[in-house]
Amino acid sequence: MADNDRLRELIAIIEQAVALLPDTSQSALKKELSTIRELIMNARAPRLMIVGRRGAGKSSLVNAIFGEKIAEIGSVSAQTAYGHWHRYQSGRGMLNILDTRGLGDFNRPAGAQFQNALDEIKKELSSDYPDVMLFLCKAKDVDSHLGEDFRNIQAIRAYIRNQHSYEVPVMAVVTQVDELDPVDVTQPPYDDPDKQAHIQKAVTLLKDAFEQQKSR
């Protein structure tokens, strides 16, 4: 990543020099520099940020992606004290994932620097930012107090916008669908019509909530 940063700085210097050239010479050079900049951006590892309430399955998702226990999972109390970037390397490439404290968490875990989880998240975003934010929501919570979650998400997006001049997109993910009725159907692909109907209802409720938030 450091090499890419140096290349970006070099391109910025070259662009400043190109701006001093006659207009007839600038067009082709600017196009070439734009192509080079795009290639550099695409060459770096993608960065994902995972947010959600405590117990939504953030650390479990990180462990599932990595295929091993990377992040601690808390059954009662919060285990993720502060945001942490995990780097995943495989034969298909590299992936950087930011695991975060639960949104709305004011019970300061051991090792946390701030009482408020939002302040803890902002600290981790001060020097780097994600390409996309994943908002995890438990299937049984898709119609429960989402207003506070949306306000926290917007606060995070505003911080990234002000700090890094980037409008981060948000994707909503419904988790823990195995807890929906019928509870005896616990393994994917959940081949049960009632289970599938309840899963689809949870997905639709969360999607509609996001659409309503966008329209405000």
N, C-alpha and C. Protein backbone atom coordinates (compact mmCIF):
# COMPACT_ATOMS: atom_id res chain seq x y z
N MET A 1 0.82 -1.20 0.00
CA MET A 1 0.00 0.00 0.00
C MET A 1 0.86 1.25 0.00
N ALA A 2 2.01 1.22 0.70
CA ALA A 2 2.91 2.36 0.76
C ALA A 2 3.45 2.68 -0.62
N ASP A 3 3.80 1.65 -1.42
CA ASP A 3 4.29 1.87 -2.77
C ASP A 3 3.23 2.55 -3.63
N ASN A 4 1.98 2.13 -3.49
CA ASN A 4 0.90 2.75 -4.24
C ASN A 4 0.73 4.21 -3.86
N ASP A 5 0.87 4.51 -2.57
CA ASP A 5 0.76 5.90 -2.11
C ASP A 5 1.85 6.76 -2.74
N ARG A 6 3.06 6.22 -2.82
CA ARG A 6 4.15 6.99 -3.43
C ARG A 6 3.90 7.20 -4.92
N LEU A 7 3.33 6.19 -5.57
CA LEU A 7 3.01 6.33 -6.99
C LEU A 7 1.93 7.39 -7.20
N ARG A 8 0.95 7.44 -6.31
CA ARG A 8 -0.09 8.46 -6.42
C ARG A 8 0.51 9.85 -6.25
N GLU A 9 1.43 10.00 -5.30
CA GLU A 9 2.08 11.29 -5.10
C GLU A 9 2.87 11.70 -6.34
N LEU A 10 3.54 10.72 -6.95
CA LEU A 10 4.31 11.01 -8.16
C LEU A 10 3.39 11.45 -9.29
N ILE A 11 2.26 10.77 -9.44
CA ILE A 11 1.31 11.15 -10.49
C ILE A 11 0.77 12.55 -10.23
N ALA A 12 0.51 12.89 -8.97
CA ALA A 12 0.01 14.23 -8.63
C ALA A 12 1.03 15.29 -9.04
N ILE A 13 2.32 15.02 -8.82
CA ILE A 13 3.37 15.96 -9.20
C ILE A 13 3.41 16.11 -10.72
N ILE A 14 3.30 14.98 -11.43
CA ILE A 14 3.31 15.01 -12.89
C ILE A 14 2.11 15.79 -13.42
N GLU A 15 0.95 15.60 -12.79
CA GLU A 15 -0.26 16.32 -13.22
C GLU A 15 -0.08 17.82 -13.05
N GLN A 16 0.59 18.23 -11.98
CA GLN A 16 0.84 19.65 -11.78
C GLN A 16 1.74 20.20 -12.89
N ALA A 17 2.72 19.39 -13.29
CA ALA A 17 3.62 19.81 -14.38
C ALA A 17 2.87 19.87 -15.71
N VAL A 18 2.01 18.89 -15.94
CA VAL A 18 1.23 18.86 -17.19
C VAL A 18 0.32 20.08 -17.30
N ALA A 19 -0.19 20.54 -16.16
CA ALA A 19 -1.09 21.70 -16.17
C ALA A 19 -0.40 22.96 -16.68
N LEU A 20 0.92 22.97 -16.66
CA LEU A 20 1.68 24.13 -17.12
C LEU A 20 1.93 24.09 -18.62
N LEU A 21 1.65 22.97 -19.26
CA LEU A 21 1.88 22.82 -20.70
C LEU A 21 0.76 23.50 -21.50
N PRO A 22 1.01 23.77 -22.78
CA PRO A 22 -0.05 24.32 -23.63
C PRO A 22 -1.25 23.38 -23.69
N ASP A 23 -2.42 23.95 -23.89
CA ASP A 23 -3.65 23.16 -23.90
C ASP A 23 -3.61 22.03 -24.92
N THR A 24 -2.98 22.26 -26.05
CA THR A 24 -2.93 21.23 -27.10
C THR A 24 -2.15 20.00 -26.67
N SER A 25 -1.25 20.16 -25.72
CA SER A 25 -0.43 19.03 -25.26
C SER A 25 -1.01 18.35 -24.03
N GLN A 26 -1.93 19.03 -23.34
CA GLN A 26 -2.44 18.51 -22.08
C GLN A 26 -3.40 17.34 -22.23
N SER A 27 -4.26 17.39 -23.24
CA SER A 27 -5.36 16.44 -23.36
C SER A 27 -4.90 14.98 -23.36
N ALA A 28 -4.00 14.63 -24.25
CA ALA A 28 -3.55 13.24 -24.36
C ALA A 28 -2.82 12.79 -23.10
N LEU A 29 -1.99 13.68 -22.53
CA LEU A 29 -1.24 13.32 -21.33
C LEU A 29 -2.17 13.11 -20.14
N LYS A 30 -3.19 13.95 -20.02
CA LYS A 30 -4.13 13.79 -18.92
C LYS A 30 -4.87 12.47 -19.01
N LYS A 31 -5.22 12.08 -20.23
CA LYS A 31 -5.92 10.81 -20.42
C LYS A 31 -5.03 9.64 -20.01
N GLU A 32 -3.75 9.69 -20.39
CA GLU A 32 -2.81 8.63 -20.03
C GLU A 32 -2.63 8.57 -18.52
N LEU A 33 -2.50 9.73 -17.88
CA LEU A 33 -2.32 9.76 -16.43
C LEU A 33 -3.56 9.23 -15.71
N SER A 34 -4.74 9.53 -16.25
CA SER A 34 -5.98 9.02 -15.67
C SER A 34 -6.03 7.50 -15.72
N THR A 35 -5.57 6.94 -16.84
CA THR A 35 -5.53 5.48 -16.98
C THR A 35 -4.57 4.86 -15.98
N ILE A 36 -3.40 5.49 -15.83
CA ILE A 36 -2.40 4.98 -14.88
C ILE A 36 -2.94 5.04 -13.45
N ARG A 37 -3.59 6.15 -13.10
CA ARG A 37 -4.16 6.29 -11.75
C ARG A 37 -5.20 5.20 -11.49
N GLU A 38 -6.05 4.93 -12.48
CA GLU A 38 -7.07 3.90 -12.33
C GLU A 38 -6.46 2.53 -12.13
N LEU A 39 -5.39 2.23 -12.86
CA LEU A 39 -4.72 0.94 -12.72
C LEU A 39 -4.12 0.78 -11.33
N ILE A 40 -3.57 1.86 -10.80
CA ILE A 40 -2.98 1.82 -9.46
C ILE A 40 -4.07 1.56 -8.42
N MET A 41 -5.22 2.26 -8.56
CA MET A 41 -6.31 2.07 -7.61
C MET A 41 -6.83 0.64 -7.65
N ASN A 42 -6.94 0.09 -8.85
CA ASN A 42 -7.45 -1.27 -8.99
C ASN A 42 -6.46 -2.32 -8.51
N ALA A 43 -5.17 -1.95 -8.43
CA ALA A 43 -4.14 -2.92 -8.07
C ALA A 43 -4.12 -3.20 -6.57
N ARG A 44 -4.60 -2.26 -5.76
CA ARG A 44 -4.54 -2.46 -4.32
C ARG A 44 -5.63 -3.42 -3.85
N ALA A 45 -5.44 -3.94 -2.66
CA ALA A 45 -6.42 -4.87 -2.09
C ALA A 45 -7.71 -4.13 -1.74
N PRO A 46 -8.88 -4.72 -2.03
CA PRO A 46 -10.15 -4.10 -1.63
C PRO A 46 -10.24 -3.99 -0.11
N ARG A 47 -10.96 -2.97 0.34
CA ARG A 47 -11.12 -2.75 1.78
C ARG A 47 -12.62 -2.78 2.13
N LEU A 48 -12.98 -3.67 3.04
CA LEU A 48 -14.37 -3.79 3.50
C LEU A 48 -14.45 -3.36 4.96
N MET A 49 -15.55 -2.72 5.31
CA MET A 49 -15.81 -2.36 6.70
C MET A 49 -17.10 -3.04 7.14
N ILE A 50 -17.07 -3.69 8.29
CA ILE A 50 -18.24 -4.40 8.80
C ILE A 50 -18.77 -3.70 10.04
N VAL A 51 -20.03 -3.27 9.99
CA VAL A 51 -20.66 -2.60 11.13
C VAL A 51 -21.97 -3.29 11.46
N GLY A 52 -22.45 -3.04 12.67
CA GLY A 52 -23.71 -3.63 13.12
C GLY A 52 -23.76 -3.60 14.63
N ARG A 53 -24.89 -3.95 15.19
CA ARG A 53 -25.01 -3.98 16.64
C ARG A 53 -24.19 -5.13 17.23
N ARG A 54 -23.97 -5.05 18.51
CA ARG A 54 -23.29 -6.14 19.20
C ARG A 54 -24.10 -7.41 19.05
N GLY A 55 -23.43 -8.49 18.66
CA GLY A 55 -24.12 -9.76 18.49
C GLY A 55 -24.72 -9.97 17.12
N ALA A 56 -24.48 -9.02 16.19
CA ALA A 56 -25.06 -9.16 14.85
C ALA A 56 -24.31 -10.16 13.99
N GLY A 57 -23.11 -10.56 14.44
CA GLY A 57 -22.36 -11.56 13.69
C GLY A 57 -21.18 -11.00 12.92
N LYS A 58 -20.70 -9.82 13.33
CA LYS A 58 -19.58 -9.19 12.61
C LYS A 58 -18.32 -10.04 12.69
N SER A 59 -17.93 -10.40 13.90
CA SER A 59 -16.71 -11.20 14.07
C SER A 59 -16.87 -12.59 13.47
N SER A 60 -18.08 -13.14 13.54
CA SER A 60 -18.33 -14.45 12.93
C SER A 60 -18.14 -14.39 11.42
N LEU A 61 -18.57 -13.28 10.81
CA LEU A 61 -18.40 -13.12 9.36
C LEU A 61 -16.92 -13.01 9.01
N VAL A 62 -16.16 -12.26 9.82
CA VAL A 62 -14.72 -12.14 9.59
C VAL A 62 -14.07 -13.53 9.64
N ASN A 63 -14.42 -14.31 10.67
CA ASN A 63 -13.85 -15.66 10.81
C ASN A 63 -14.25 -16.55 9.64
N ALA A 64 -15.49 -16.40 9.16
CA ALA A 64 -15.95 -17.22 8.03
C ALA A 64 -15.19 -16.87 6.76
N ILE A 65 -14.94 -15.59 6.55
CA ILE A 65 -14.21 -15.16 5.36
C ILE A 65 -12.77 -15.66 5.39
N PHE A 66 -12.16 -15.58 6.57
CA PHE A 66 -10.77 -16.00 6.70
C PHE A 66 -10.63 -17.51 6.82
N GLY A 67 -11.73 -18.20 7.18
CA GLY A 67 -11.67 -19.64 7.32
C GLY A 67 -10.98 -20.09 8.59
N GLU A 68 -10.82 -19.19 9.54
CA GLU A 68 -10.21 -19.53 10.83
C GLU A 68 -10.61 -18.48 11.85
N LYS A 69 -10.34 -18.76 13.14
CA LYS A 69 -10.72 -17.83 14.19
C LYS A 69 -9.74 -16.68 14.24
N ILE A 70 -10.15 -15.55 13.67
CA ILE A 70 -9.34 -14.34 13.67
C ILE A 70 -9.85 -13.36 14.72
N ALA A 71 -11.18 -13.22 14.78
CA ALA A 71 -11.81 -12.26 15.69
C ALA A 71 -12.55 -12.99 16.80
N GLU A 72 -12.48 -12.43 18.01
CA GLU A 72 -13.18 -13.01 19.15
C GLU A 72 -14.68 -12.79 19.01
N ILE A 73 -15.46 -13.77 19.44
CA ILE A 73 -16.92 -13.70 19.37
C ILE A 73 -17.47 -13.63 20.78
N GLY A 74 -18.27 -12.60 21.06
CA GLY A 74 -18.84 -12.43 22.39
C GLY A 74 -20.28 -12.89 22.45
N SER A 75 -20.61 -13.78 23.38
CA SER A 75 -21.98 -14.28 23.50
C SER A 75 -22.84 -13.37 24.37
N VAL A 76 -22.23 -12.70 25.35
CA VAL A 76 -22.98 -11.81 26.23
C VAL A 76 -22.40 -10.41 26.18
N SER A 77 -21.12 -10.28 26.51
CA SER A 77 -20.48 -8.96 26.51
C SER A 77 -19.72 -8.75 25.21
N ALA A 78 -19.41 -7.47 24.95
CA ALA A 78 -18.69 -7.13 23.72
C ALA A 78 -17.28 -7.67 23.76
N GLN A 79 -16.82 -8.24 22.65
CA GLN A 79 -15.46 -8.76 22.57
C GLN A 79 -14.56 -7.88 21.71
N THR A 80 -15.15 -7.17 20.75
CA THR A 80 -14.35 -6.29 19.90
C THR A 80 -14.26 -4.93 20.56
N ALA A 81 -13.12 -4.65 21.19
CA ALA A 81 -12.96 -3.41 21.95
C ALA A 81 -12.76 -2.21 21.04
N TYR A 82 -12.11 -2.43 19.92
CA TYR A 82 -11.84 -1.33 19.00
C TYR A 82 -11.72 -1.89 17.58
N GLY A 83 -11.85 -1.00 16.61
CA GLY A 83 -11.76 -1.43 15.23
C GLY A 83 -10.38 -1.98 14.90
N HIS A 84 -10.37 -2.99 14.05
CA HIS A 84 -9.08 -3.59 13.68
C HIS A 84 -9.14 -4.04 12.23
N TRP A 85 -8.14 -3.65 11.45
CA TRP A 85 -8.03 -4.09 10.07
C TRP A 85 -7.40 -5.48 10.02
N HIS A 86 -8.11 -6.43 9.42
CA HIS A 86 -7.58 -7.78 9.19
C HIS A 86 -7.19 -7.90 7.72
N ARG A 87 -6.06 -8.50 7.46
CA ARG A 87 -5.61 -8.69 6.08
C ARG A 87 -5.74 -10.16 5.70
N TYR A 88 -6.47 -10.42 4.64
CA TYR A 88 -6.69 -11.79 4.17
C TYR A 88 -5.94 -12.00 2.86
N GLN A 89 -5.09 -13.02 2.83
CA GLN A 89 -4.30 -13.32 1.63
C GLN A 89 -4.59 -14.75 1.20
N SER A 90 -4.86 -14.92 -0.09
CA SER A 90 -5.06 -16.25 -0.65
C SER A 90 -4.54 -16.26 -2.08
N GLY A 91 -4.69 -17.40 -2.73
CA GLY A 91 -4.24 -17.49 -4.11
C GLY A 91 -5.02 -16.59 -5.04
N ARG A 92 -6.19 -16.14 -4.61
CA ARG A 92 -7.02 -15.26 -5.44
C ARG A 92 -6.72 -13.80 -5.22
N GLY A 93 -5.86 -13.49 -4.22
CA GLY A 93 -5.52 -12.09 -3.97
C GLY A 93 -5.60 -11.76 -2.49
N MET A 94 -5.69 -10.45 -2.21
CA MET A 94 -5.69 -9.97 -0.83
C MET A 94 -6.96 -9.17 -0.56
N LEU A 95 -7.41 -9.22 0.70
CA LEU A 95 -8.60 -8.49 1.11
C LEU A 95 -8.36 -7.92 2.50
N ASN A 96 -8.66 -6.63 2.68
CA ASN A 96 -8.54 -5.98 3.98
C ASN A 96 -9.94 -5.76 4.55
N ILE A 97 -10.15 -6.18 5.80
CA ILE A 97 -11.46 -6.08 6.44
C ILE A 97 -11.33 -5.35 7.77
N LEU A 98 -12.17 -4.33 7.97
CA LEU A 98 -12.21 -3.62 9.24
C LEU A 98 -13.38 -4.14 10.08
N ASP A 99 -13.06 -4.85 11.16
CA ASP A 99 -14.06 -5.31 12.12
C ASP A 99 -14.22 -4.21 13.17
N THR A 100 -15.44 -3.94 13.62
CA THR A 100 -15.69 -2.80 14.50
C THR A 100 -16.49 -3.19 15.74
N ARG A 101 -16.49 -2.29 16.72
CA ARG A 101 -17.35 -2.45 17.90
C ARG A 101 -18.81 -2.33 17.48
N GLY A 102 -19.69 -2.90 18.30
CA GLY A 102 -21.12 -2.85 18.00
C GLY A 102 -21.66 -1.43 18.01
N LEU A 103 -22.44 -1.08 17.00
CA LEU A 103 -23.06 0.24 16.95
C LEU A 103 -23.95 0.44 18.17
N GLY A 104 -23.87 1.64 18.75
CA GLY A 104 -24.69 1.94 19.91
C GLY A 104 -24.16 1.36 21.21
N ASP A 105 -22.97 0.76 21.17
CA ASP A 105 -22.40 0.13 22.36
C ASP A 105 -21.75 1.18 23.25
N PHE A 106 -22.32 1.40 24.45
CA PHE A 106 -21.75 2.35 25.40
C PHE A 106 -21.11 1.63 26.59
N ASN A 107 -21.17 0.29 26.59
CA ASN A 107 -20.50 -0.49 27.64
C ASN A 107 -19.05 -0.70 27.20
N ARG A 108 -18.18 0.13 27.68
CA ARG A 108 -16.79 0.16 27.21
C ARG A 108 -16.06 -1.15 27.52
N PRO A 109 -15.71 -1.93 26.48
CA PRO A 109 -14.99 -3.19 26.71
C PRO A 109 -13.55 -2.91 27.15
N ALA A 110 -12.93 -3.91 27.77
CA ALA A 110 -11.53 -3.78 28.16
C ALA A 110 -10.68 -3.54 26.92
N GLY A 111 -9.83 -2.53 26.98
CA GLY A 111 -8.96 -2.22 25.85
C GLY A 111 -9.48 -1.11 24.97
N ALA A 112 -10.76 -0.74 25.13
CA ALA A 112 -11.33 0.33 24.32
C ALA A 112 -10.82 1.68 24.80
N GLN A 113 -10.62 2.60 23.86
CA GLN A 113 -10.14 3.93 24.21
C GLN A 113 -11.29 4.91 24.47
N PHE A 114 -12.47 4.59 23.92
CA PHE A 114 -13.60 5.50 24.04
C PHE A 114 -14.81 4.77 24.61
N GLN A 115 -15.66 5.51 25.33
CA GLN A 115 -16.89 4.94 25.85
C GLN A 115 -17.87 4.65 24.72
N ASN A 116 -17.93 5.57 23.78
CA ASN A 116 -18.86 5.46 22.66
C ASN A 116 -18.23 4.69 21.51
N ALA A 117 -18.93 3.68 21.01
CA ALA A 117 -18.40 2.87 19.90
C ALA A 117 -18.17 3.70 18.65
N LEU A 118 -19.01 4.71 18.42
CA LEU A 118 -18.87 5.53 17.22
C LEU A 118 -17.54 6.27 17.22
N ASP A 119 -17.13 6.78 18.38
CA ASP A 119 -15.83 7.45 18.47
C ASP A 119 -14.69 6.47 18.21
N GLU A 120 -14.86 5.25 18.68
CA GLU A 120 -13.83 4.22 18.46
C GLU A 120 -13.70 3.91 16.97
N ILE A 121 -14.84 3.83 16.29
CA ILE A 121 -14.83 3.54 14.85
C ILE A 121 -14.18 4.68 14.08
N LYS A 122 -14.52 5.92 14.43
CA LYS A 122 -13.95 7.07 13.73
C LYS A 122 -12.43 7.11 13.87
N LYS A 123 -11.93 6.74 15.03
CA LYS A 123 -10.48 6.74 15.24
C LYS A 123 -9.80 5.81 14.24
N GLU A 124 -10.38 4.64 14.02
CA GLU A 124 -9.77 3.67 13.10
C GLU A 124 -9.88 4.14 11.65
N LEU A 125 -10.83 5.01 11.38
CA LEU A 125 -11.02 5.51 10.01
C LEU A 125 -10.24 6.79 9.74
N SER A 126 -9.51 7.28 10.72
CA SER A 126 -8.81 8.55 10.54
C SER A 126 -7.69 8.45 9.51
N SER A 127 -7.07 7.28 9.38
CA SER A 127 -5.93 7.15 8.47
C SER A 127 -6.25 6.32 7.23
N ASP A 128 -7.33 5.56 7.25
CA ASP A 128 -7.69 4.71 6.11
C ASP A 128 -9.20 4.58 6.05
N TYR A 129 -9.72 4.22 4.90
CA TYR A 129 -11.17 4.14 4.74
C TYR A 129 -11.53 2.93 3.87
N PRO A 130 -12.77 2.44 4.00
CA PRO A 130 -13.19 1.26 3.24
C PRO A 130 -13.73 1.63 1.87
N ASP A 131 -13.70 0.67 0.96
CA ASP A 131 -14.34 0.85 -0.35
C ASP A 131 -15.84 0.66 -0.23
N VAL A 132 -16.26 -0.18 0.70
CA VAL A 132 -17.69 -0.44 0.91
C VAL A 132 -17.93 -0.79 2.37
N MET A 133 -19.08 -0.43 2.89
CA MET A 133 -19.47 -0.74 4.26
C MET A 133 -20.56 -1.81 4.25
N LEU A 134 -20.37 -2.87 5.02
CA LEU A 134 -21.40 -3.90 5.18
C LEU A 134 -22.10 -3.68 6.52
N PHE A 135 -23.41 -3.46 6.47
CA PHE A 135 -24.20 -3.31 7.69
C PHE A 135 -24.89 -4.63 7.98
N LEU A 136 -24.50 -5.28 9.08
CA LEU A 136 -25.06 -6.58 9.46
C LEU A 136 -26.21 -6.39 10.44
N CYS A 137 -27.31 -7.07 10.18
CA CYS A 137 -28.48 -6.98 11.06
C CYS A 137 -29.06 -8.37 11.27
N LYS A 138 -29.28 -8.73 12.53
CA LYS A 138 -29.88 -10.03 12.84
C LYS A 138 -31.28 -10.12 12.24
N ALA A 139 -31.62 -11.30 11.75
CA ALA A 139 -32.92 -11.49 11.10
C ALA A 139 -34.08 -11.11 12.01
N LYS A 140 -33.92 -11.33 13.31
CA LYS A 140 -35.00 -11.02 14.25
C LYS A 140 -35.03 -9.55 14.65
N ASP A 141 -34.06 -8.76 14.17
CA ASP A 141 -33.99 -7.34 14.54
C ASP A 141 -34.26 -6.40 13.37
N VAL A 142 -34.71 -6.94 12.24
CA VAL A 142 -34.84 -6.10 11.04
C VAL A 142 -35.94 -5.04 11.17
N ASP A 143 -36.82 -5.19 12.15
CA ASP A 143 -37.87 -4.19 12.36
C ASP A 143 -37.78 -3.58 13.76
N SER A 144 -36.56 -3.57 14.32
CA SER A 144 -36.38 -3.13 15.70
C SER A 144 -35.35 -2.01 15.81
N HIS A 145 -35.82 -0.79 16.10
CA HIS A 145 -34.94 0.34 16.44
C HIS A 145 -33.84 0.56 15.40
N LEU A 146 -34.19 0.52 14.13
CA LEU A 146 -33.18 0.73 13.09
C LEU A 146 -32.81 2.20 12.93
N GLY A 147 -33.64 3.10 13.46
CA GLY A 147 -33.36 4.52 13.33
C GLY A 147 -32.00 4.91 13.87
N GLU A 148 -31.66 4.39 15.05
CA GLU A 148 -30.35 4.69 15.64
C GLU A 148 -29.22 4.11 14.80
N ASP A 149 -29.44 2.91 14.27
CA ASP A 149 -28.42 2.31 13.40
C ASP A 149 -28.17 3.18 12.18
N PHE A 150 -29.25 3.67 11.56
CA PHE A 150 -29.11 4.51 10.37
C PHE A 150 -28.38 5.81 10.70
N ARG A 151 -28.69 6.39 11.86
CA ARG A 151 -28.00 7.63 12.25
C ARG A 151 -26.51 7.39 12.44
N ASN A 152 -26.16 6.26 13.04
CA ASN A 152 -24.74 5.93 13.21
C ASN A 152 -24.06 5.70 11.87
N ILE A 153 -24.75 5.00 10.96
CA ILE A 153 -24.18 4.76 9.63
C ILE A 153 -23.95 6.08 8.90
N GLN A 154 -24.93 6.98 8.98
CA GLN A 154 -24.77 8.27 8.31
C GLN A 154 -23.63 9.08 8.93
N ALA A 155 -23.46 8.96 10.25
CA ALA A 155 -22.36 9.66 10.92
C ALA A 155 -21.01 9.12 10.44
N ILE A 156 -20.93 7.80 10.26
CA ILE A 156 -19.70 7.19 9.76
C ILE A 156 -19.43 7.62 8.33
N ARG A 157 -20.47 7.62 7.49
CA ARG A 157 -20.31 8.02 6.09
C ARG A 157 -19.89 9.48 6.00
N ALA A 158 -20.47 10.33 6.86
CA ALA A 158 -20.11 11.75 6.86
C ALA A 158 -18.65 11.94 7.28
N TYR A 159 -18.20 11.16 8.26
CA TYR A 159 -16.81 11.26 8.70
C TYR A 159 -15.86 10.86 7.57
N ILE A 160 -16.17 9.76 6.88
CA ILE A 160 -15.33 9.31 5.76
C ILE A 160 -15.33 10.36 4.65
N ARG A 161 -16.51 10.94 4.39
CA ARG A 161 -16.62 11.97 3.36
C ARG A 161 -15.74 13.18 3.70
N ASN A 162 -15.80 13.63 4.94
CA ASN A 162 -15.03 14.81 5.35
C ASN A 162 -13.54 14.52 5.46
N GLN A 163 -13.21 13.31 5.91
CA GLN A 163 -11.81 12.96 6.15
C GLN A 163 -11.10 12.53 4.87
N HIS A 164 -11.81 11.83 3.99
CA HIS A 164 -11.15 11.22 2.83
C HIS A 164 -11.79 11.60 1.48
N SER A 165 -12.81 12.45 1.51
CA SER A 165 -13.48 12.89 0.27
C SER A 165 -13.98 11.69 -0.53
N TYR A 166 -14.61 10.75 0.16
CA TYR A 166 -15.12 9.54 -0.50
C TYR A 166 -16.51 9.23 0.03
N GLU A 167 -17.43 8.94 -0.89
CA GLU A 167 -18.81 8.60 -0.53
C GLU A 167 -18.93 7.08 -0.48
N VAL A 168 -18.76 6.52 0.71
CA VAL A 168 -18.73 5.05 0.83
C VAL A 168 -20.13 4.46 0.66
N PRO A 169 -20.29 3.47 -0.22
CA PRO A 169 -21.59 2.80 -0.36
C PRO A 169 -21.83 1.84 0.79
N VAL A 170 -23.10 1.55 1.06
CA VAL A 170 -23.48 0.66 2.16
C VAL A 170 -24.31 -0.50 1.62
N MET A 171 -23.94 -1.70 2.04
CA MET A 171 -24.71 -2.90 1.70
C MET A 171 -25.26 -3.50 2.99
N ALA A 172 -26.56 -3.83 3.00
CA ALA A 172 -27.19 -4.43 4.18
C ALA A 172 -27.17 -5.94 4.06
N VAL A 173 -26.83 -6.61 5.17
CA VAL A 173 -26.73 -8.07 5.20
C VAL A 173 -27.56 -8.61 6.36
N VAL A 174 -28.51 -9.49 6.07
CA VAL A 174 -29.31 -10.14 7.11
C VAL A 174 -28.55 -11.36 7.62
N THR A 175 -28.35 -11.44 8.94
CA THR A 175 -27.58 -12.53 9.54
C THR A 175 -28.45 -13.37 10.46
N GLN A 176 -27.89 -14.51 10.86
CA GLN A 176 -28.51 -15.41 11.84
C GLN A 176 -29.93 -15.82 11.43
N VAL A 177 -30.10 -16.11 10.15
CA VAL A 177 -31.42 -16.55 9.67
C VAL A 177 -31.78 -17.93 10.19
N ASP A 178 -30.79 -18.66 10.72
CA ASP A 178 -31.08 -19.99 11.28
C ASP A 178 -31.99 -19.89 12.50
N GLU A 179 -32.08 -18.70 13.12
CA GLU A 179 -32.92 -18.53 14.31
C GLU A 179 -34.39 -18.31 13.96
N LEU A 180 -34.69 -18.12 12.69
CA LEU A 180 -36.08 -17.94 12.28
C LEU A 180 -36.82 -19.28 12.27
N ASP A 181 -38.14 -19.21 12.41
CA ASP A 181 -38.96 -20.44 12.37
C ASP A 181 -38.98 -21.04 10.97
N PRO A 182 -39.07 -22.37 10.89
CA PRO A 182 -38.97 -23.36 11.97
C PRO A 182 -37.52 -23.53 12.43
N VAL A 183 -37.31 -23.47 13.74
CA VAL A 183 -35.96 -23.45 14.30
C VAL A 183 -35.23 -24.77 14.14
N ASP A 184 -35.96 -25.84 13.83
CA ASP A 184 -35.27 -27.13 13.67
C ASP A 184 -34.58 -27.24 12.32
N VAL A 185 -34.85 -26.29 11.41
CA VAL A 185 -34.14 -26.24 10.12
C VAL A 185 -32.97 -25.29 10.32
N THR A 186 -31.80 -25.84 10.57
CA THR A 186 -30.66 -25.03 11.01
C THR A 186 -29.51 -24.94 10.02
N GLN A 187 -29.53 -25.75 8.96
CA GLN A 187 -28.39 -25.79 8.05
C GLN A 187 -28.77 -25.27 6.66
N PRO A 188 -27.88 -24.45 6.07
CA PRO A 188 -28.11 -24.01 4.70
C PRO A 188 -28.19 -25.21 3.78
N PRO A 189 -28.94 -25.14 2.69
CA PRO A 189 -29.63 -23.95 2.16
C PRO A 189 -31.03 -23.73 2.73
N TYR A 190 -31.33 -24.28 3.91
CA TYR A 190 -32.64 -24.09 4.56
C TYR A 190 -33.78 -24.47 3.61
N ASP A 191 -33.73 -25.70 3.16
CA ASP A 191 -34.68 -26.19 2.16
C ASP A 191 -36.03 -26.50 2.80
N ASP A 192 -36.72 -25.44 3.22
CA ASP A 192 -38.04 -25.55 3.84
C ASP A 192 -38.84 -24.33 3.41
N PRO A 193 -40.03 -24.50 2.86
CA PRO A 193 -40.78 -23.35 2.33
C PRO A 193 -41.10 -22.30 3.39
N ASP A 194 -41.45 -22.72 4.60
CA ASP A 194 -41.75 -21.75 5.66
C ASP A 194 -40.49 -20.97 6.05
N LYS A 195 -39.38 -21.68 6.17
CA LYS A 195 -38.12 -21.03 6.52
C LYS A 195 -37.74 -20.01 5.44
N GLN A 196 -37.83 -20.43 4.19
CA GLN A 196 -37.49 -19.55 3.08
C GLN A 196 -38.39 -18.31 3.07
N ALA A 197 -39.66 -18.49 3.39
CA ALA A 197 -40.60 -17.37 3.41
C ALA A 197 -40.23 -16.38 4.51
N HIS A 198 -39.83 -16.88 5.67
CA HIS A 198 -39.44 -16.01 6.78
C HIS A 198 -38.13 -15.28 6.47
N ILE A 199 -37.21 -15.97 5.82
CA ILE A 199 -35.95 -15.33 5.43
C ILE A 199 -36.22 -14.21 4.44
N GLN A 200 -37.05 -14.49 3.44
CA GLN A 200 -37.37 -13.47 2.44
C GLN A 200 -38.08 -12.28 3.07
N LYS A 201 -38.94 -12.53 4.05
CA LYS A 201 -39.62 -11.44 4.74
C LYS A 201 -38.63 -10.55 5.47
N ALA A 202 -37.64 -11.17 6.14
CA ALA A 202 -36.62 -10.40 6.86
C ALA A 202 -35.81 -9.55 5.89
N VAL A 203 -35.44 -10.13 4.77
CA VAL A 203 -34.67 -9.39 3.76
C VAL A 203 -35.48 -8.21 3.23
N THR A 204 -36.76 -8.44 2.95
CA THR A 204 -37.62 -7.39 2.41
C THR A 204 -37.81 -6.26 3.42
N LEU A 205 -38.00 -6.61 4.70
CA LEU A 205 -38.18 -5.59 5.73
C LEU A 205 -36.95 -4.70 5.85
N LEU A 206 -35.76 -5.30 5.82
CA LEU A 206 -34.54 -4.51 5.93
C LEU A 206 -34.34 -3.66 4.68
N LYS A 207 -34.62 -4.23 3.52
CA LYS A 207 -34.51 -3.47 2.27
C LYS A 207 -35.45 -2.28 2.26
N ASP A 208 -36.70 -2.49 2.68
CA ASP A 208 -37.68 -1.41 2.71
C ASP A 208 -37.26 -0.32 3.69
N ALA A 209 -36.70 -0.73 4.83
CA ALA A 209 -36.25 0.25 5.82
C ALA A 209 -35.14 1.12 5.25
N PHE A 210 -34.23 0.52 4.49
CA PHE A 210 -33.16 1.28 3.86
C PHE A 210 -33.72 2.23 2.80
N GLU A 211 -34.69 1.77 2.02
CA GLU A 211 -35.28 2.61 0.99
C GLU A 211 -36.00 3.80 1.61
N GLN A 212 -36.69 3.59 2.73
CA GLN A 212 -37.37 4.68 3.41
C GLN A 212 -36.37 5.70 3.94
N GLN A 213 -35.24 5.20 4.44
CA GLN A 213 -34.21 6.08 4.96
C GLN A 213 -33.63 6.95 3.85
N LYS A 214 -33.43 6.37 2.67
CA LYS A 214 -32.87 7.13 1.54
C LYS A 214 -33.81 8.24 1.08
N SER A 215 -35.11 8.00 1.21
CA SER A 215 -36.09 8.97 0.72
C SER A 215 -36.29 10.14 1.66
N ARG A 216 -35.71 10.07 2.85
CA ARG A 216 -35.89 11.16 3.83
C ARG A 216 -34.92 12.30 3.54
